[in-house]
Amino acid sequence: MEMHFFGTGAAVPSKERNVTALALRFTQNGGNVWLFDCGEATQHQILRSTITLSKIDRIFITHLHGDHIFGLPGLLGSRSFQGGDKPLTLYGPPGIKRFVDAVLSTSGTHLRYPLEVIEIEEEGKILENSPFSVCVKKLEHGIDSFGFRVEEADQPGPLKVEKLKEMGVSPGPLYRKLKEGKKVRLDDGRTLNGKEFRGHDIPGRKIAIHGDTRMSDSAIELSRNADLVVHEATFSKEQEELAYDYYHSTTEQAASVAKKANAKRLIITHISSRYQEEDVARLLKEAKSVFENTEIASDDAIYEIPKNS
């Protein structure tokens, strides 16, 4: 699994940072892509990547501010113009369907693929797509803003092959059933419980992706024990009051969320255009003083999310 950042800036783009968009690419699932937010020029940013629009089959919108949705109509249209015909599902706050319908209708844009729009009415699980599920929580922003938690199902532990061989059980179809944790009966009358011949289950990956938000209990809960947290850090630590007034977070606050949630890794994004590239080291230092395993995303950056062991 990979995370691709197409835009890491805040409301106003800068020369170094476009407005918000990122994607999860499932490298072992046909290369399908889930896109999170779609600010202006996202499709242009994607052109510089290895991702194609036809591979995007789900889009999750955190909230309806322009820097998170103004690239959506163009991307939907281009996906169709480029021959994409596979269904696409769009999730977002109430109002996202009205926005998409109005723009596509006004512009006369016809989509060649089925588009399903699901408006998020309440917190909880919104998707079960084995082996992944998605839960949503409401965050603290000026308008409805959501965070998404992507969870991978735990994987069965390795089969204890040597132990089975010692018991005279040869490789074959029985191994598959035992790997699945099933009980099997041998020709000699013995019954084996597959759960006794597997190693510990391998925990699935957990990823929390937040929309714009103040530091909040909801953000902490969404990030609980996550392998990776993506959290906005619009302002430096000196601008805490300004961050609060504008319903955003500082570098230290984003890091505090990851620390309090017992997360493993934090990537901060949504950096205000007031900060130039020479400020990045200082912003990173602020966050790392609270949570050491922190990185600041940059446009076009790709992060691997390895399997747990």
C-alpha atoms as a PDB file:
ATOM      1  CA  MET A   1       0.000   0.000   0.000  1.00  0.00           C
ATOM      2  CA  GLU A   2       1.250   3.483  -0.867  1.00  0.00           C
ATOM      3  CA  MET A   3       0.159   6.999   0.007  1.00  0.00           C
ATOM      4  CA  HIS A   4       0.578   9.623  -2.718  1.00  0.00           C
ATOM      5  CA  PHE A   5       0.337  13.335  -1.917  1.00  0.00           C
ATOM      6  CA  PHE A   6      -0.881  15.537  -4.769  1.00  0.00           C
ATOM      7  CA  GLY A   7      -1.473  18.679  -2.730  1.00  0.00           C
ATOM      8  CA  THR A   8      -0.146  19.583   0.710  1.00  0.00           C
ATOM      9  CA  GLY A   9      -1.030  23.279   1.015  1.00  0.00           C
ATOM     10  CA  ALA A  10      -3.855  25.058   2.795  1.00  0.00           C
ATOM     11  CA  ALA A  11      -6.594  27.277   1.343  1.00  0.00           C
ATOM     12  CA  VAL A  12      -4.323  29.239  -1.008  1.00  0.00           C
ATOM     13  CA  PRO A  13      -1.869  27.335  -3.246  1.00  0.00           C
ATOM     14  CA  SER A  14       1.762  28.341  -3.391  1.00  0.00           C
ATOM     15  CA  LYS A  15       4.509  27.647  -5.914  1.00  0.00           C
ATOM     16  CA  GLU A  16       5.645  24.672  -3.835  1.00  0.00           C
ATOM     17  CA  ARG A  17       2.317  23.340  -2.551  1.00  0.00           C
ATOM     18  CA  ASN A  18      -0.973  22.778  -4.316  1.00  0.00           C
ATOM     19  CA  VAL A  19      -4.237  22.568  -2.377  1.00  0.00           C
ATOM     20  CA  THR A  20      -5.309  19.350  -0.697  1.00  0.00           C
ATOM     21  CA  ALA A  21      -5.458  15.909  -2.284  1.00  0.00           C
ATOM     22  CA  LEU A  22      -3.926  12.557  -1.418  1.00  0.00           C
ATOM     23  CA  ALA A  23      -4.472   8.966  -2.440  1.00  0.00           C
ATOM     24  CA  LEU A  24      -4.108   5.439  -1.167  1.00  0.00           C
ATOM     25  CA  ARG A  25      -2.880   3.054  -3.834  1.00  0.00           C
ATOM     26  CA  PHE A  26      -3.468  -0.636  -3.187  1.00  0.00           C
ATOM     27  CA  THR A  27      -0.475  -2.192  -4.901  1.00  0.00           C
ATOM     28  CA  GLN A  28      -1.687  -5.771  -4.326  1.00  0.00           C
ATOM     29  CA  ASN A  29      -5.300  -5.174  -5.285  1.00  0.00           C
ATOM     30  CA  GLY A  30      -5.018  -4.455  -8.979  1.00  0.00           C
ATOM     31  CA  GLY A  31      -3.530  -1.039  -8.309  1.00  0.00           C
ATOM     32  CA  ASN A  32      -6.893   0.475  -7.397  1.00  0.00           C
ATOM     33  CA  VAL A  33      -6.795   3.941  -5.866  1.00  0.00           C
ATOM     34  CA  TRP A  34      -8.842   5.719  -3.226  1.00  0.00           C
ATOM     35  CA  LEU A  35      -8.627   9.507  -3.451  1.00  0.00           C
ATOM     36  CA  PHE A  36      -9.090  11.713  -0.388  1.00  0.00           C
ATOM     37  CA  ASP A  37     -10.123  15.274  -1.231  1.00  0.00           C
ATOM     38  CA  CYS A  38      -9.704  16.862  -4.628  1.00  0.00           C
ATOM     39  CA  GLY A  39      -8.599  20.468  -4.581  1.00  0.00           C
ATOM     40  CA  GLU A  40      -8.174  22.591  -7.677  1.00  0.00           C
ATOM     41  CA  ALA A  41      -5.667  21.160 -10.227  1.00  0.00           C
ATOM     42  CA  THR A  42      -5.565  17.729  -8.617  1.00  0.00           C
ATOM     43  CA  GLN A  43      -5.876  16.019 -11.988  1.00  0.00           C
ATOM     44  CA  HIS A  44      -2.917  18.060 -13.232  1.00  0.00           C
ATOM     45  CA  GLN A  45      -0.886  16.926 -10.213  1.00  0.00           C
ATOM     46  CA  ILE A  46      -1.856  13.321 -10.931  1.00  0.00           C
ATOM     47  CA  LEU A  47      -0.381  13.615 -14.422  1.00  0.00           C
ATOM     48  CA  ARG A  48       3.069  13.768 -12.803  1.00  0.00           C
ATOM     49  CA  SER A  49       2.458  10.505 -10.951  1.00  0.00           C
ATOM     50  CA  THR A  50       2.135   6.831 -11.856  1.00  0.00           C
ATOM     51  CA  ILE A  51      -1.571   6.882 -11.006  1.00  0.00           C
ATOM     52  CA  THR A  52      -4.208   6.961 -13.743  1.00  0.00           C
ATOM     53  CA  LEU A  53      -7.728   8.327 -13.322  1.00  0.00           C
ATOM     54  CA  SER A  54      -9.298   5.045 -14.437  1.00  0.00           C
ATOM     55  CA  LYS A  55      -7.803   3.319 -11.374  1.00  0.00           C
ATOM     56  CA  ILE A  56      -9.595   5.664  -8.969  1.00  0.00           C
ATOM     57  CA  ASP A  57     -12.728   3.813  -7.878  1.00  0.00           C
ATOM     58  CA  ARG A  58     -13.542   5.638  -4.607  1.00  0.00           C
ATOM     59  CA  ILE A  59     -13.271   9.293  -3.621  1.00  0.00           C
ATOM     60  CA  PHE A  60     -13.681  10.524  -0.052  1.00  0.00           C
ATOM     61  CA  ILE A  61     -14.326  14.220   0.577  1.00  0.00           C
ATOM     62  CA  THR A  62     -13.610  15.474   4.101  1.00  0.00           C
ATOM     63  CA  HIS A  63     -15.558  18.750   3.800  1.00  0.00           C
ATOM     64  CA  LEU A  64     -16.949  21.178   1.276  1.00  0.00           C
ATOM     65  CA  HIS A  65     -14.470  24.062   1.411  1.00  0.00           C
ATOM     66  CA  GLY A  66     -13.234  24.955  -2.053  1.00  0.00           C
ATOM     67  CA  ASP A  67      -9.619  23.946  -1.537  1.00  0.00           C
ATOM     68  CA  HIS A  68     -10.855  20.379  -1.006  1.00  0.00           C
ATOM     69  CA  ILE A  69     -13.466  20.049  -3.794  1.00  0.00           C
ATOM     70  CA  PHE A  70     -12.885  22.537  -6.631  1.00  0.00           C
ATOM     71  CA  GLY A  71     -10.849  19.975  -8.599  1.00  0.00           C
ATOM     72  CA  LEU A  72     -13.535  17.322  -8.376  1.00  0.00           C
ATOM     73  CA  PRO A  73     -15.767  18.192 -11.382  1.00  0.00           C
ATOM     74  CA  GLY A  74     -12.812  18.346 -13.762  1.00  0.00           C
ATOM     75  CA  LEU A  75     -11.401  15.066 -12.516  1.00  0.00           C
ATOM     76  CA  LEU A  76     -14.759  13.314 -12.864  1.00  0.00           C
ATOM     77  CA  GLY A  77     -15.094  14.611 -16.411  1.00  0.00           C
ATOM     78  CA  SER A  78     -11.550  13.697 -17.434  1.00  0.00           C
ATOM     79  CA  ARG A  79     -11.962  10.183 -16.081  1.00  0.00           C
ATOM     80  CA  SER A  80     -14.856   9.807 -18.511  1.00  0.00           C
ATOM     81  CA  PHE A  81     -13.127  11.536 -21.440  1.00  0.00           C
ATOM     82  CA  GLN A  82     -10.164   9.181 -21.054  1.00  0.00           C
ATOM     83  CA  GLY A  83     -12.363   6.131 -21.463  1.00  0.00           C
ATOM     84  CA  GLY A  84     -12.947   5.228 -17.846  1.00  0.00           C
ATOM     85  CA  ASP A  85     -16.050   3.073 -17.658  1.00  0.00           C
ATOM     86  CA  LYS A  86     -15.778   1.355 -14.282  1.00  0.00           C
ATOM     87  CA  PRO A  87     -18.116   2.503 -11.502  1.00  0.00           C
ATOM     88  CA  LEU A  88     -16.931   5.178  -9.095  1.00  0.00           C
ATOM     89  CA  THR A  89     -18.292   5.858  -5.608  1.00  0.00           C
ATOM     90  CA  LEU A  90     -18.058   9.298  -4.034  1.00  0.00           C
ATOM     91  CA  TYR A  91     -18.445   9.840  -0.278  1.00  0.00           C
ATOM     92  CA  GLY A  92     -18.813  13.249   1.327  1.00  0.00           C
ATOM     93  CA  PRO A  93     -20.783  15.530   3.640  1.00  0.00           C
ATOM     94  CA  PRO A  94     -24.381  16.500   2.902  1.00  0.00           C
ATOM     95  CA  GLY A  95     -24.369  18.847  -0.082  1.00  0.00           C
ATOM     96  CA  ILE A  96     -21.707  17.018  -2.098  1.00  0.00           C
ATOM     97  CA  LYS A  97     -24.322  15.487  -4.421  1.00  0.00           C
ATOM     98  CA  ARG A  98     -25.949  18.858  -5.072  1.00  0.00           C
ATOM     99  CA  PHE A  99     -22.528  20.351  -5.851  1.00  0.00           C
ATOM    100  CA  VAL A 100     -21.549  17.606  -8.302  1.00  0.00           C
ATOM    101  CA  ASP A 101     -24.953  17.464  -9.988  1.00  0.00           C
ATOM    102  CA  ALA A 102     -25.057  21.248 -10.447  1.00  0.00           C
ATOM    103  CA  VAL A 103     -21.581  21.526 -11.978  1.00  0.00           C
ATOM    104  CA  LEU A 104     -21.935  18.531 -14.288  1.00  0.00           C
ATOM    105  CA  SER A 105     -25.383  19.648 -15.413  1.00  0.00           C
ATOM    106  CA  THR A 106     -24.414  23.281 -15.959  1.00  0.00           C
ATOM    107  CA  SER A 107     -21.300  22.322 -17.925  1.00  0.00           C
ATOM    108  CA  GLY A 108     -23.074  19.655 -19.969  1.00  0.00           C
ATOM    109  CA  THR A 109     -20.604  17.014 -18.797  1.00  0.00           C
ATOM    110  CA  HIS A 110     -21.793  13.457 -19.415  1.00  0.00           C
ATOM    111  CA  LEU A 111     -20.089  10.652 -17.513  1.00  0.00           C
ATOM    112  CA  ARG A 112     -19.642   7.354 -19.323  1.00  0.00           C
ATOM    113  CA  TYR A 113     -19.421   5.439 -16.045  1.00  0.00           C
ATOM    114  CA  PRO A 114     -21.867   4.912 -13.159  1.00  0.00           C
ATOM    115  CA  LEU A 115     -21.304   7.455 -10.366  1.00  0.00           C
ATOM    116  CA  GLU A 116     -22.778   6.726  -6.941  1.00  0.00           C
ATOM    117  CA  VAL A 117     -22.770   9.585  -4.437  1.00  0.00           C
ATOM    118  CA  ILE A 118     -23.115   8.675  -0.757  1.00  0.00           C
ATOM    119  CA  GLU A 119     -23.662  11.552   1.650  1.00  0.00           C
ATOM    120  CA  ILE A 120     -22.391  10.929   5.173  1.00  0.00           C
ATOM    121  CA  GLU A 121     -25.234  11.414   7.624  1.00  0.00           C
ATOM    122  CA  GLU A 122     -23.693  10.005  10.792  1.00  0.00           C
ATOM    123  CA  GLU A 123     -20.490   8.666  12.308  1.00  0.00           C
ATOM    124  CA  GLY A 124     -19.541   5.014  12.031  1.00  0.00           C
ATOM    125  CA  LYS A 125     -18.655   2.501   9.354  1.00  0.00           C
ATOM    126  CA  ILE A 126     -19.427   3.649   5.822  1.00  0.00           C
ATOM    127  CA  LEU A 127     -17.645   0.951   3.826  1.00  0.00           C
ATOM    128  CA  GLU A 128     -16.871  -2.739   4.152  1.00  0.00           C
ATOM    129  CA  ASN A 129     -14.751  -3.776   1.193  1.00  0.00           C
ATOM    130  CA  SER A 130     -12.810  -6.878   2.267  1.00  0.00           C
ATOM    131  CA  PRO A 131     -10.119  -6.819   3.475  1.00  0.00           C
ATOM    132  CA  PHE A 132     -10.574  -3.072   4.120  1.00  0.00           C
ATOM    133  CA  SER A 133     -13.221  -1.088   5.939  1.00  0.00           C
ATOM    134  CA  VAL A 134     -13.689   2.662   6.430  1.00  0.00           C
ATOM    135  CA  CYS A 135     -15.102   4.416   9.468  1.00  0.00           C
ATOM    136  CA  VAL A 136     -15.833   8.126   9.763  1.00  0.00           C
ATOM    137  CA  LYS A 137     -15.868  10.609  12.646  1.00  0.00           C
ATOM    138  CA  LYS A 138     -16.920  14.243  12.710  1.00  0.00           C
ATOM    139  CA  LEU A 139     -14.117  16.668  13.512  1.00  0.00           C
ATOM    140  CA  GLU A 140     -14.100  20.255  14.782  1.00  0.00           C
ATOM    141  CA  HIS A 141     -14.146  22.784  11.946  1.00  0.00           C
ATOM    142  CA  GLY A 142     -16.182  25.777  10.778  1.00  0.00           C
ATOM    143  CA  ILE A 143     -18.395  23.504   8.661  1.00  0.00           C
ATOM    144  CA  ASP A 144     -18.991  19.764   8.793  1.00  0.00           C
ATOM    145  CA  SER A 145     -15.583  18.148   8.403  1.00  0.00           C
ATOM    146  CA  PHE A 146     -14.854  14.445   8.673  1.00  0.00           C
ATOM    147  CA  GLY A 147     -11.925  12.176   9.293  1.00  0.00           C
ATOM    148  CA  PHE A 148     -11.644   8.706   7.789  1.00  0.00           C
ATOM    149  CA  ARG A 149     -10.108   5.627   9.388  1.00  0.00           C
ATOM    150  CA  VAL A 150      -9.097   2.882   6.968  1.00  0.00           C
ATOM    151  CA  GLU A 151      -8.681  -0.503   8.631  1.00  0.00           C
ATOM    152  CA  GLU A 152      -7.274  -3.662   7.119  1.00  0.00           C
ATOM    153  CA  ALA A 153      -8.529  -6.969   8.500  1.00  0.00           C
ATOM    154  CA  ASP A 154      -6.053  -9.022  10.518  1.00  0.00           C
ATOM    155  CA  GLN A 155      -4.298 -11.690   8.491  1.00  0.00           C
ATOM    156  CA  PRO A 156      -3.936 -15.326   9.632  1.00  0.00           C
ATOM    157  CA  GLY A 157      -0.553 -16.164  11.092  1.00  0.00           C
ATOM    158  CA  PRO A 158       1.846 -18.490   9.257  1.00  0.00           C
ATOM    159  CA  LEU A 159       1.055 -22.187   9.223  1.00  0.00           C
ATOM    160  CA  LYS A 160       3.346 -24.289  11.430  1.00  0.00           C
ATOM    161  CA  VAL A 161       4.434 -26.523   8.591  1.00  0.00           C
ATOM    162  CA  GLU A 162       7.291 -28.250  10.418  1.00  0.00           C
ATOM    163  CA  LYS A 163       5.018 -29.249  13.276  1.00  0.00           C
ATOM    164  CA  LEU A 164       2.537 -30.765  10.827  1.00  0.00           C
ATOM    165  CA  LYS A 165       5.274 -32.699   9.038  1.00  0.00           C
ATOM    166  CA  GLU A 166       6.497 -34.065  12.346  1.00  0.00           C
ATOM    167  CA  MET A 167       2.977 -35.366  12.938  1.00  0.00           C
ATOM    168  CA  GLY A 168       3.007 -37.065   9.552  1.00  0.00           C
ATOM    169  CA  VAL A 169       0.669 -34.620   7.811  1.00  0.00           C
ATOM    170  CA  SER A 170       1.867 -34.122   4.246  1.00  0.00           C
ATOM    171  CA  PRO A 171       1.361 -30.880   2.279  1.00  0.00           C
ATOM    172  CA  GLY A 172      -1.891 -30.732   0.346  1.00  0.00           C
ATOM    173  CA  PRO A 173      -5.465 -29.443   0.507  1.00  0.00           C
ATOM    174  CA  LEU A 174      -5.552 -30.055   4.276  1.00  0.00           C
ATOM    175  CA  TYR A 175      -2.932 -27.339   4.763  1.00  0.00           C
ATOM    176  CA  ARG A 176      -5.244 -24.742   3.246  1.00  0.00           C
ATOM    177  CA  LYS A 177      -8.103 -25.719   5.547  1.00  0.00           C
ATOM    178  CA  LEU A 178      -5.826 -25.646   8.584  1.00  0.00           C
ATOM    179  CA  LYS A 179      -4.494 -22.238   7.498  1.00  0.00           C
ATOM    180  CA  GLU A 180      -8.110 -21.031   7.497  1.00  0.00           C
ATOM    181  CA  GLY A 181      -8.424 -22.202  11.093  1.00  0.00           C
ATOM    182  CA  LYS A 182     -10.796 -25.058  10.279  1.00  0.00           C
ATOM    183  CA  LYS A 183     -10.930 -28.477  11.924  1.00  0.00           C
ATOM    184  CA  VAL A 184      -9.933 -31.405   9.715  1.00  0.00           C
ATOM    185  CA  ARG A 185     -10.186 -35.144  10.197  1.00  0.00           C
ATOM    186  CA  LEU A 186      -7.262 -37.285   9.043  1.00  0.00           C
ATOM    187  CA  ASP A 187      -7.533 -40.732   7.465  1.00  0.00           C
ATOM    188  CA  ASP A 188      -6.194 -42.300  10.670  1.00  0.00           C
ATOM    189  CA  GLY A 189      -9.046 -40.778  12.673  1.00  0.00           C
ATOM    190  CA  ARG A 190      -7.175 -37.905  14.279  1.00  0.00           C
ATOM    191  CA  THR A 191      -8.853 -34.475  14.325  1.00  0.00           C
ATOM    192  CA  LEU A 192      -6.716 -31.365  14.040  1.00  0.00           C
ATOM    193  CA  ASN A 193      -7.806 -27.837  14.922  1.00  0.00           C
ATOM    194  CA  GLY A 194      -6.293 -25.366  12.477  1.00  0.00           C
ATOM    195  CA  LYS A 195      -6.096 -22.647  15.119  1.00  0.00           C
ATOM    196  CA  GLU A 196      -3.528 -24.746  16.973  1.00  0.00           C
ATOM    197  CA  PHE A 197      -1.246 -24.878  13.945  1.00  0.00           C
ATOM    198  CA  ARG A 198      -1.064 -21.196  13.105  1.00  0.00           C
ATOM    199  CA  GLY A 199       1.225 -18.507  14.398  1.00  0.00           C
ATOM    200  CA  HIS A 200      -0.128 -15.292  15.867  1.00  0.00           C
ATOM    201  CA  ASP A 201      -2.427 -13.347  13.556  1.00  0.00           C
ATOM    202  CA  ILE A 202      -0.779 -10.446  11.741  1.00  0.00           C
ATOM    203  CA  PRO A 203      -2.488  -7.141  12.652  1.00  0.00           C
ATOM    204  CA  GLY A 204      -3.961  -5.279   9.710  1.00  0.00           C
ATOM    205  CA  ARG A 205      -2.834  -1.745   8.947  1.00  0.00           C
ATOM    206  CA  LYS A 206      -4.777   1.191  10.368  1.00  0.00           C
ATOM    207  CA  ILE A 207      -4.644   4.628   8.734  1.00  0.00           C
ATOM    208  CA  ALA A 208      -6.322   7.827   9.939  1.00  0.00           C
ATOM    209  CA  ILE A 209      -6.826  10.655   7.433  1.00  0.00           C
ATOM    210  CA  HIS A 210      -8.221  13.873   8.897  1.00  0.00           C
ATOM    211  CA  GLY A 211      -9.980  16.763   7.285  1.00  0.00           C
ATOM    212  CA  ASP A 212      -9.471  20.316   8.516  1.00  0.00           C
ATOM    213  CA  THR A 213      -9.887  20.438  12.271  1.00  0.00           C
ATOM    214  CA  ARG A 214      -8.902  21.885  15.570  1.00  0.00           C
ATOM    215  CA  MET A 215      -7.155  19.477  17.898  1.00  0.00           C
ATOM    216  CA  SER A 216     -10.026  17.381  19.242  1.00  0.00           C
ATOM    217  CA  ASP A 217     -10.943  14.230  21.131  1.00  0.00           C
ATOM    218  CA  SER A 218     -12.544  12.928  17.930  1.00  0.00           C
ATOM    219  CA  ALA A 219      -9.242  13.265  16.086  1.00  0.00           C
ATOM    220  CA  ILE A 220      -7.461  11.382  18.855  1.00  0.00           C
ATOM    221  CA  GLU A 221     -10.037   8.601  18.877  1.00  0.00           C
ATOM    222  CA  LEU A 222      -9.919   8.305  15.078  1.00  0.00           C
ATOM    223  CA  SER A 223      -6.136   7.925  15.323  1.00  0.00           C
ATOM    224  CA  ARG A 224      -6.098   5.400  18.179  1.00  0.00           C
ATOM    225  CA  ASN A 225      -3.206   2.912  17.711  1.00  0.00           C
ATOM    226  CA  ALA A 226      -2.985   3.812  14.014  1.00  0.00           C
ATOM    227  CA  ASP A 227       0.008   2.763  11.948  1.00  0.00           C
ATOM    228  CA  LEU A 228      -0.186   6.104  10.160  1.00  0.00           C
ATOM    229  CA  VAL A 229      -1.929   9.379  10.934  1.00  0.00           C
ATOM    230  CA  VAL A 230      -2.327  12.162   8.369  1.00  0.00           C
ATOM    231  CA  HIS A 231      -3.232  15.387  10.142  1.00  0.00           C
ATOM    232  CA  GLU A 232      -3.363  19.018   9.119  1.00  0.00           C
ATOM    233  CA  ALA A 233      -0.889  21.494  10.608  1.00  0.00           C
ATOM    234  CA  THR A 234      -1.891  24.776   9.022  1.00  0.00           C
ATOM    235  CA  PHE A 235       0.000  26.924  11.529  1.00  0.00           C
ATOM    236  CA  SER A 236       3.216  26.953  13.541  1.00  0.00           C
ATOM    237  CA  LYS A 237       3.119  26.631  17.312  1.00  0.00           C
ATOM    238  CA  GLU A 238       3.273  30.426  17.780  1.00  0.00           C
ATOM    239  CA  GLN A 239      -0.052  30.783  15.964  1.00  0.00           C
ATOM    240  CA  GLU A 240      -2.110  28.639  18.336  1.00  0.00           C
ATOM    241  CA  GLU A 241      -4.707  31.349  18.943  1.00  0.00           C
ATOM    242  CA  LEU A 242      -5.076  32.015  15.225  1.00  0.00           C
ATOM    243  CA  ALA A 243      -5.383  28.280  14.578  1.00  0.00           C
ATOM    244  CA  TYR A 244      -8.191  28.033  17.106  1.00  0.00           C
ATOM    245  CA  ASP A 245     -10.039  31.027  15.682  1.00  0.00           C
ATOM    246  CA  TYR A 246      -9.925  29.533  12.174  1.00  0.00           C
ATOM    247  CA  TYR A 247     -10.698  25.944  13.279  1.00  0.00           C
ATOM    248  CA  HIS A 248      -7.263  24.594  12.388  1.00  0.00           C
ATOM    249  CA  SER A 249      -4.316  22.964  14.138  1.00  0.00           C
ATOM    250  CA  THR A 250      -0.693  23.820  14.803  1.00  0.00           C
ATOM    251  CA  THR A 251       2.322  21.585  14.309  1.00  0.00           C
ATOM    252  CA  GLU A 252       2.500  20.762  18.017  1.00  0.00           C
ATOM    253  CA  GLN A 253      -1.228  20.061  18.219  1.00  0.00           C
ATOM    254  CA  ALA A 254      -1.107  17.619  15.307  1.00  0.00           C
ATOM    255  CA  ALA A 255       1.809  15.884  17.002  1.00  0.00           C
ATOM    256  CA  SER A 256      -0.112  15.776  20.287  1.00  0.00           C
ATOM    257  CA  VAL A 257      -2.972  13.976  18.552  1.00  0.00           C
ATOM    258  CA  ALA A 258      -0.598  11.265  17.337  1.00  0.00           C
ATOM    259  CA  LYS A 259       1.080  10.979  20.737  1.00  0.00           C
ATOM    260  CA  LYS A 260      -2.152  10.791  22.741  1.00  0.00           C
ATOM    261  CA  ALA A 261      -3.544   8.258  20.278  1.00  0.00           C
ATOM    262  CA  ASN A 262      -0.488   6.012  20.629  1.00  0.00           C
ATOM    263  CA  ALA A 263      -0.012   6.126  16.859  1.00  0.00           C
ATOM    264  CA  LYS A 264       3.141   4.810  15.220  1.00  0.00           C
ATOM    265  CA  ARG A 265       3.725   7.474  12.570  1.00  0.00           C
ATOM    266  CA  LEU A 266       2.520  10.972  11.694  1.00  0.00           C
ATOM    267  CA  ILE A 267       2.548  12.878   8.408  1.00  0.00           C
ATOM    268  CA  ILE A 268       1.490  16.506   8.628  1.00  0.00           C
ATOM    269  CA  THR A 269       0.051  18.398   5.682  1.00  0.00           C
ATOM    270  CA  HIS A 270      -2.210  21.379   4.808  1.00  0.00           C
ATOM    271  CA  ILE A 271       0.628  23.837   5.371  1.00  0.00           C
ATOM    272  CA  SER A 272      -0.276  27.525   5.120  1.00  0.00           C
ATOM    273  CA  SER A 273       1.182  29.418   2.157  1.00  0.00           C
ATOM    274  CA  ARG A 274       2.648  31.931   4.622  1.00  0.00           C
ATOM    275  CA  TYR A 275       5.414  29.365   5.253  1.00  0.00           C
ATOM    276  CA  GLN A 276       8.116  29.011   2.650  1.00  0.00           C
ATOM    277  CA  GLU A 277      10.343  26.018   2.038  1.00  0.00           C
ATOM    278  CA  GLU A 278      12.987  27.481   4.344  1.00  0.00           C
ATOM    279  CA  ASP A 279      10.410  27.249   7.153  1.00  0.00           C
ATOM    280  CA  VAL A 280       9.809  23.521   6.749  1.00  0.00           C
ATOM    281  CA  ALA A 281      12.691  22.441   8.967  1.00  0.00           C
ATOM    282  CA  ARG A 282      11.427  24.638  11.802  1.00  0.00           C
ATOM    283  CA  LEU A 283       7.862  23.370  11.458  1.00  0.00           C
ATOM    284  CA  LEU A 284       9.093  19.794  11.484  1.00  0.00           C
ATOM    285  CA  LYS A 285      11.224  20.432  14.567  1.00  0.00           C
ATOM    286  CA  GLU A 286       8.182  21.789  16.394  1.00  0.00           C
ATOM    287  CA  ALA A 287       6.178  18.659  15.676  1.00  0.00           C
ATOM    288  CA  LYS A 288       9.034  16.247  16.414  1.00  0.00           C
ATOM    289  CA  SER A 289       9.561  17.846  19.822  1.00  0.00           C
ATOM    290  CA  VAL A 290       6.195  16.309  20.744  1.00  0.00           C
ATOM    291  CA  PHE A 291       6.072  13.216  18.519  1.00  0.00           C
ATOM    292  CA  GLU A 292       9.401  12.066  17.132  1.00  0.00           C
ATOM    293  CA  ASN A 293       8.194   9.913  14.245  1.00  0.00           C
ATOM    294  CA  THR A 294       6.787  12.855  12.281  1.00  0.00           C
ATOM    295  CA  GLU A 295       7.254  13.829   8.635  1.00  0.00           C
ATOM    296  CA  ILE A 296       6.012  16.816   6.638  1.00  0.00           C
ATOM    297  CA  ALA A 297       4.455  15.853   3.335  1.00  0.00           C
ATOM    298  CA  SER A 298       5.453  17.577   0.125  1.00  0.00           C
ATOM    299  CA  ASP A 299       3.678  17.566  -3.217  1.00  0.00           C
ATOM    300  CA  ASP A 300       4.433  14.447  -5.268  1.00  0.00           C
ATOM    301  CA  ALA A 301       5.765  12.571  -2.216  1.00  0.00           C
ATOM    302  CA  ILE A 302       5.045   8.846  -2.007  1.00  0.00           C
ATOM    303  CA  TYR A 303       5.100   6.963   1.291  1.00  0.00           C
ATOM    304  CA  GLU A 304       5.055   3.189   1.568  1.00  0.00           C
ATOM    305  CA  ILE A 305       2.810   1.722   4.246  1.00  0.00           C
ATOM    306  CA  PRO A 306       4.370  -1.692   4.878  1.00  0.00           C
ATOM    307  CA  LYS A 307       2.488  -4.696   6.166  1.00  0.00           C
ATOM    308  CA  ASN A 308       2.789  -5.450   9.862  1.00  0.00           C
ATOM    309  CA  SER A 309       4.671  -8.523  10.982  1.00  0.00           C
END
